[in-house]
């Protein structure tokens, strides 16, 4: 059942990425990025409430053990959401997805050191192969978009850190709060993220270049934001279910490796990003690393 959740999370994540790439064309600065994600989180809260109503509110509770986990997940989720849009706007889609390969270090290391989950030597070799694939994709991005500027590079790094800590928060919750409920976790994460983004929007001193009208975003991107929210909820919900059943050293590399394979097809077929020898070699390495991690 865990692998069924994983497959669903993978498909929802790639679908979310497609909608996000389309919506990123409407983003002209931090203000637009924060506004888009505020609307997305509002949609996510409504969706999670609908699921909670169907499941029952008996699992909607807080305890001293869950509050730090939720705060970590909400803050990390907010950082990831803002910077992912900025990164995907100015980089080849594949580079952004490949940069997130680094994010899997955090939940795996956290599971090993804090949750005492085992990791096999063969899985370490599989991880190393995935990182080699990431370096090849970086070379690919240089041929498509050139060397990323400092702002884009910073956005990529923050994306990876935010994604990693958000995944670690999910893993902690799945293991330490087994009866908490996936929809309850998602509701609190979205609420914390929304409050964080709202506070950031209120206190942020925008530069002149970032003072843009929200009308184009609301007029042309509202349907994309709703779809992003729907797929975002599905991705997080199913990944949390999978995290309770699959060890971190297997789950997150398989998710990221599968995402890289599907994103490559999407980037070529839908966004017309060219495929080169380095891209194909990176895909082969990803698949090879994928199989090693799965079969160890």
Protein backbone atom coordinates (compact mmCIF):
# COMPACT_ATOMS: atom_id res chain seq x y z
CA UNK A 1 0.00 0.00 0.00
CA UNK A 2 2.91 2.32 0.74
CA UNK A 3 4.10 2.16 -2.88
CA UNK A 4 0.60 2.94 -4.12
CA UNK A 5 0.65 6.10 -1.98
CA UNK A 6 4.11 6.86 -3.35
CA UNK A 7 2.94 6.54 -6.97
CA UNK A 8 -0.04 8.80 -6.31
CA UNK A 9 2.16 11.39 -4.59
CA UNK A 10 4.56 11.30 -7.52
CA UNK A 11 1.85 11.93 -10.13
CA UNK A 12 0.24 14.68 -8.04
CA UNK A 13 3.64 16.34 -7.50
CA UNK A 14 4.49 16.41 -11.21
CA UNK A 15 1.01 17.75 -12.05
CA UNK A 16 1.49 20.47 -9.43
CA UNK A 17 4.84 21.31 -11.01
CA UNK A 18 3.26 21.70 -14.44
CA UNK A 19 0.64 24.13 -13.12
CA UNK A 20 3.33 25.99 -11.16
CA UNK A 21 5.52 26.39 -14.22
CA UNK A 22 2.55 27.79 -16.16
CA UNK A 23 1.66 30.16 -13.31
CA UNK A 24 5.27 31.31 -12.87
CA UNK A 25 4.96 33.31 -16.08
CA UNK A 26 2.62 35.66 -14.19
CA UNK A 27 5.10 36.16 -11.33
CA UNK A 28 7.15 39.38 -11.44
CA UNK A 29 8.61 39.52 -7.94
CA UNK A 30 8.30 38.45 -4.31
CA UNK A 31 4.99 40.24 -3.88
CA UNK A 32 3.33 38.25 -6.67
CA UNK A 33 4.90 35.02 -5.42
CA UNK A 34 3.64 35.55 -1.88
CA UNK A 35 0.16 36.54 -3.10
CA UNK A 36 -0.12 33.48 -5.33
CA UNK A 37 0.87 31.19 -2.47
CA UNK A 38 -1.49 32.93 -0.05
CA UNK A 39 -4.36 32.13 -2.41
CA UNK A 40 -3.05 28.61 -2.87
CA UNK A 41 -2.87 28.03 0.89
CA UNK A 42 -6.42 29.37 1.29
CA UNK A 43 -7.62 26.83 -1.29
CA UNK A 44 -5.60 24.09 0.46
CA UNK A 45 -7.21 24.93 3.82
CA UNK A 46 -10.68 24.65 2.28
CA UNK A 47 -9.78 21.31 0.66
CA UNK A 48 -8.28 19.91 3.88
CA UNK A 49 -11.35 21.05 5.83
CA UNK A 50 -13.54 19.20 3.37
CA UNK A 51 -11.53 16.02 3.91
CA UNK A 52 -11.65 16.53 7.68
CA UNK A 53 -15.44 16.87 7.57
CA UNK A 54 -15.61 13.59 5.67
CA UNK A 55 -13.21 11.83 8.07
CA UNK A 56 -14.43 13.43 11.28
CA UNK A 57 -12.79 16.06 13.49
CA UNK A 58 -11.72 13.63 16.23
CA UNK A 59 -8.11 13.68 14.97
CA UNK A 60 -7.89 17.47 14.87
CA UNK A 61 -5.92 17.96 18.06
CA UNK A 62 -2.69 19.56 19.24
CA UNK A 63 -0.24 18.32 21.83
CA UNK A 64 3.14 19.56 23.11
CA UNK A 65 4.80 16.97 20.87
CA UNK A 66 3.06 18.02 17.67
CA UNK A 67 3.42 21.82 17.88
CA UNK A 68 7.20 21.96 17.11
CA UNK A 69 6.74 19.49 14.25
CA UNK A 70 3.94 21.57 12.75
CA UNK A 71 5.83 24.85 13.15
CA UNK A 72 8.87 23.35 11.41
CA UNK A 73 6.72 22.02 8.58
CA UNK A 74 4.73 25.22 8.12
CA UNK A 75 7.77 27.51 8.10
CA UNK A 76 9.73 25.23 5.76
CA UNK A 77 6.72 24.91 3.45
CA UNK A 78 6.39 28.69 3.21
CA UNK A 79 10.06 29.16 2.32
CA UNK A 80 9.84 26.45 -0.31
CA UNK A 81 6.68 27.77 -1.96
CA UNK A 82 7.90 31.35 -2.41
CA UNK A 83 11.34 30.47 -3.72
CA UNK A 84 10.22 27.60 -5.97
CA UNK A 85 8.15 29.99 -8.09
CA UNK A 86 11.02 32.47 -8.33
CA UNK A 87 13.50 29.73 -9.22
CA UNK A 88 11.34 28.04 -11.86
CA UNK A 89 10.60 31.41 -13.46
CA UNK A 90 14.29 32.10 -14.18
CA UNK A 91 15.71 28.57 -14.57
CA UNK A 92 15.14 25.56 -16.76
CA UNK A 93 12.42 23.49 -15.11
CA UNK A 94 14.70 20.47 -14.89
CA UNK A 95 17.37 22.34 -12.93
CA UNK A 96 14.86 23.28 -10.23
CA UNK A 97 13.62 19.71 -9.96
CA UNK A 98 17.18 18.39 -9.96
CA UNK A 99 18.31 20.84 -7.28
CA UNK A 100 15.66 19.35 -5.01
CA UNK A 101 17.68 16.12 -5.09
CA UNK A 102 19.82 17.71 -2.39
CA UNK A 103 16.73 18.09 -0.21
CA UNK A 104 16.45 14.35 0.38
CA UNK A 105 19.57 14.45 2.57
CA UNK A 106 17.65 16.17 5.38
CA UNK A 107 14.75 13.72 5.89
CA UNK A 108 17.04 10.71 5.42
CA UNK A 109 19.63 12.00 7.91
CA UNK A 110 16.88 13.03 10.31
CA UNK A 111 15.25 9.60 10.13
CA UNK A 112 18.58 7.85 10.72
CA UNK A 113 19.70 10.00 13.67
CA UNK A 114 16.38 10.89 15.33
CA UNK A 115 14.11 7.98 14.43
CA UNK A 116 16.80 5.27 14.26
CA UNK A 117 15.73 4.10 10.81
CA UNK A 118 18.37 1.92 9.12
CA UNK A 119 20.13 2.83 5.89
CA UNK A 120 21.95 0.20 3.82
CA UNK A 121 25.35 0.72 2.15
CA UNK A 122 23.79 0.02 -1.25
CA UNK A 123 21.29 2.82 -0.71
CA UNK A 124 24.16 5.22 -0.07
CA UNK A 125 25.62 4.24 -3.44
CA UNK A 126 22.24 4.86 -5.02
CA UNK A 127 22.14 8.33 -3.45
CA UNK A 128 25.62 9.08 -4.79
CA UNK A 129 24.48 8.13 -8.29
CA UNK A 130 21.47 10.46 -7.98
CA UNK A 131 23.76 13.33 -7.00
CA UNK A 132 25.93 12.63 -10.06
CA UNK A 133 22.77 12.86 -12.17
CA UNK A 134 22.02 16.22 -10.54
CA UNK A 135 25.46 17.57 -11.50
CA UNK A 136 24.88 16.55 -15.11
CA UNK A 137 21.55 18.37 -15.07
CA UNK A 138 23.34 21.48 -13.81
CA UNK A 139 25.57 21.32 -16.89
CA UNK A 140 22.43 20.95 -19.00
CA UNK A 141 20.92 24.09 -17.48
CA UNK A 142 24.04 26.08 -18.35
CA UNK A 143 23.51 25.26 -22.03
CA UNK A 144 19.80 26.22 -21.89
CA UNK A 145 19.67 29.21 -19.52
CA UNK A 146 23.31 29.99 -18.76
CA UNK A 147 24.86 30.14 -15.30
CA UNK A 148 22.19 31.00 -12.67
CA UNK A 149 22.59 34.47 -11.15
CA UNK A 150 23.03 34.91 -7.40
CA UNK A 151 19.34 35.51 -6.75
CA UNK A 152 18.31 32.37 -8.64
CA UNK A 153 21.02 30.32 -6.94
CA UNK A 154 19.84 31.54 -3.53
CA UNK A 155 16.25 30.63 -4.44
CA UNK A 156 17.37 27.13 -5.47
CA UNK A 157 19.25 26.61 -2.19
CA UNK A 158 16.31 27.84 -0.09
CA UNK A 159 13.98 25.60 -2.13
CA UNK A 160 16.10 22.56 -1.31
CA UNK A 161 16.32 23.43 2.39
CA UNK A 162 12.60 24.19 2.65
CA UNK A 163 11.64 20.99 0.87
CA UNK A 164 14.01 18.91 3.01
CA UNK A 165 12.80 20.27 6.35
CA UNK A 166 9.15 19.99 5.23
CA UNK A 167 9.71 16.32 4.37
CA UNK A 168 11.45 15.74 7.71
CA UNK A 169 8.48 17.32 9.50
CA UNK A 170 6.16 14.93 7.66
CA UNK A 171 8.31 11.94 8.59
CA UNK A 172 8.42 12.99 12.25
CA UNK A 173 4.65 13.41 12.34
CA UNK A 174 3.99 10.09 10.60
CA UNK A 175 6.18 8.18 13.09
CA UNK A 176 5.61 10.06 16.35
CA UNK A 177 1.94 10.95 15.88
CA UNK A 178 0.64 7.80 14.13
CA UNK A 179 -2.98 8.48 15.12
CA UNK A 180 -2.92 12.18 14.24
CA UNK A 181 -4.37 11.87 10.76
CA UNK A 182 -2.88 13.07 7.47
CA UNK A 183 -5.63 15.61 6.75
CA UNK A 184 -5.27 17.15 10.22
CA UNK A 185 -1.53 17.57 9.67
CA UNK A 186 -2.14 19.18 6.29
CA UNK A 187 -4.72 21.59 7.74
CA UNK A 188 -2.34 22.88 10.41
CA UNK A 189 0.60 23.10 7.99
CA UNK A 190 -1.43 25.15 5.52
CA UNK A 191 -2.75 27.40 8.27
CA UNK A 192 0.74 28.08 9.66
CA UNK A 193 2.10 28.67 6.15
CA UNK A 194 -0.73 31.09 5.32
CA UNK A 195 -0.15 33.10 8.52
CA UNK A 196 3.60 33.18 7.83
CA UNK A 197 3.11 34.39 4.26
CA UNK A 198 0.56 36.99 5.35
CA UNK A 199 2.93 38.37 7.99
CA UNK A 200 5.77 38.42 5.47
CA UNK A 201 3.63 40.28 2.95
CA UNK A 202 2.65 42.90 5.53
CA UNK A 203 6.17 43.64 6.79
CA UNK A 204 8.13 43.24 3.56
CA UNK A 205 9.44 46.52 2.21
CA UNK A 206 9.00 46.05 -1.51
CA UNK A 207 11.46 47.46 -3.99
CA UNK A 208 10.02 49.56 -6.79
CA UNK A 209 10.48 46.68 -9.24
CA UNK A 210 8.40 44.42 -7.02
CA UNK A 211 5.44 46.77 -6.61
CA UNK A 212 3.23 45.19 -9.21
CA UNK A 213 -0.50 44.97 -9.73
CA UNK A 214 -2.15 41.72 -8.68
CA UNK A 215 -4.81 42.01 -11.39
CA UNK A 216 -3.03 39.92 -14.09
CA UNK A 217 -2.34 37.17 -11.55
CA UNK A 218 -5.94 37.03 -10.33
CA UNK A 219 -7.46 37.38 -13.81
CA UNK A 220 -5.31 34.87 -15.68
CA UNK A 221 -3.97 32.54 -13.02
CA UNK A 222 -6.77 31.78 -10.56
CA UNK A 223 -7.66 28.46 -12.21
CA UNK A 224 -4.00 27.43 -12.17
CA UNK A 225 -3.70 28.36 -8.50
CA UNK A 226 -6.72 26.20 -7.64
CA UNK A 227 -5.26 23.24 -9.55
CA UNK A 228 -1.90 23.79 -7.82
CA UNK A 229 -3.69 23.70 -4.46
CA UNK A 230 -5.58 20.52 -5.36
CA UNK A 231 -2.44 18.71 -6.53
CA UNK A 232 -0.44 20.16 -3.62
CA UNK A 233 -2.88 18.67 -1.14
CA UNK A 234 -2.90 15.31 -2.92
CA UNK A 235 0.89 15.20 -3.11
CA UNK A 236 1.42 16.06 0.57
CA UNK A 237 -1.45 13.88 1.82
CA UNK A 238 -0.27 10.77 -0.03
CA UNK A 239 3.40 11.39 0.77
CA UNK A 240 2.56 11.57 4.48
CA UNK A 241 0.68 8.27 4.21
CA UNK A 242 3.67 6.73 2.42
CA UNK A 243 6.08 8.10 5.05
CA UNK A 244 4.35 6.02 7.71
CA UNK A 245 4.98 2.82 5.72
CA UNK A 246 8.26 3.27 3.80
CA UNK A 247 11.70 4.06 5.32
CA UNK A 248 13.02 7.54 4.52
CA UNK A 249 16.16 6.15 2.82
CA UNK A 250 13.88 4.50 0.26
CA UNK A 251 10.88 6.84 0.05
CA UNK A 252 12.49 10.21 -0.70
CA UNK A 253 15.07 9.04 -3.27
CA UNK A 254 12.34 7.12 -5.11
CA UNK A 255 10.06 10.16 -5.08
CA UNK A 256 12.77 12.52 -6.28
CA UNK A 257 14.18 10.12 -8.84
CA UNK A 258 10.73 9.39 -10.25
CA UNK A 259 9.94 13.10 -10.29
CA UNK A 260 13.12 13.80 -12.25
CA UNK A 261 12.22 11.18 -14.87
CA UNK A 262 8.67 12.48 -15.33
CA UNK A 263 9.78 16.11 -15.23
CA UNK A 264 12.24 15.45 -18.04
CA UNK A 265 9.45 14.15 -20.24
CA UNK A 266 7.24 17.08 -19.27
CA UNK A 267 9.97 19.66 -19.89
CA UNK A 268 10.60 18.24 -23.35
CA UNK A 269 7.03 17.58 -24.47
CA UNK A 270 5.17 20.50 -22.87
CA UNK A 271 7.78 23.24 -22.31
CA UNK A 272 9.94 22.38 -25.37
CA UNK A 273 13.17 22.35 -23.38
CA UNK A 274 15.81 20.62 -25.56
CA UNK A 275 17.19 17.21 -24.65
CA UNK A 276 20.95 16.80 -24.92
CA UNK A 277 23.42 13.97 -24.32
CA UNK A 278 23.96 15.15 -20.74
CA UNK A 279 20.20 15.01 -20.15
CA UNK A 280 19.91 11.44 -21.40
CA UNK A 281 22.95 10.35 -19.40
CA UNK A 282 21.48 11.99 -16.31
CA UNK A 283 18.23 10.10 -16.85
CA UNK A 284 20.09 6.80 -17.16
CA UNK A 285 21.99 7.50 -13.94
CA UNK A 286 18.76 8.47 -12.20
CA UNK A 287 17.06 5.25 -13.25
CA UNK A 288 20.12 3.21 -12.22
CA UNK A 289 20.25 4.89 -8.81
CA UNK A 290 16.49 4.45 -8.52
CA UNK A 291 16.79 0.67 -9.02
CA UNK A 292 19.70 0.30 -6.59
CA UNK A 293 17.83 2.10 -3.80
CA UNK A 294 14.65 0.13 -4.44
CA UNK A 295 16.29 -3.32 -4.50
CA UNK A 296 18.77 -2.98 -1.63
